[in-house]
Amino acid sequence: MRPPCHAPVTGTYANAVTEFLKLTDSSTPAVDPKRSKLMARVRQKDTTPEMALRRTLHRLRYRFRIHVRTLPGTPDIVFPSRRKAIFVHGCFWHRHAGCHKMTTPKTRVEFWQAKFDRNVERDASVVRMLEDMGWSVLTIWECQTEVEDEMRRLATDFLGPPGGCKVFPRSVG
């Protein structure tokens, strides 16, 4: 028998999760502890692809802000003066169509599909909100960060020349 839904949750986040798991149906398959440990290690900020892009942008002499929480979706990289934002998405989590990294786990397929669908919906909603606010948005996929030339091309096509590079006409004389 399930405890009442209004059961108090006290203590740390781990205790809250434990309480939540007690409230679920016994028909829900148990989460594999190995998978749980693996998923707990997935970071949201300063990921390897994001750091690679940030290093490339610095080499190109762009200056930016990171993880601006005042903007919808907390973009990974923000250029306030240009009103441009970049999201660095993992191919697995955000479902990069046609990418070899876009796999679906074999267990709990319905759970994962619903999670992936919510991620894709949220991504589209955030892009719409930013565009409605007058921002331009670029999504760079994890697989695109593996080739620096590709990152360079994507960045310069989206951002234009770096702000630090002033080009002055040569004096005639």
Foldseek 3Di string as FASTA:
>chain_A
DADDPPPDQDDDPVSVVVNVVSRDDPPPDDDDPVVVVVVVPDDDAPDPLLVLLVVLCVVLVADWDAQDPVAPPRAGTGDVVQLEGEHEEECCQQPDPPDPNPDADPPPRVVRVVNNVVNNVSVVVSCVRSVVVVHHYYYHYSVQSVDSVSSNVVCCVVPPHHPVDDDDDDDDD
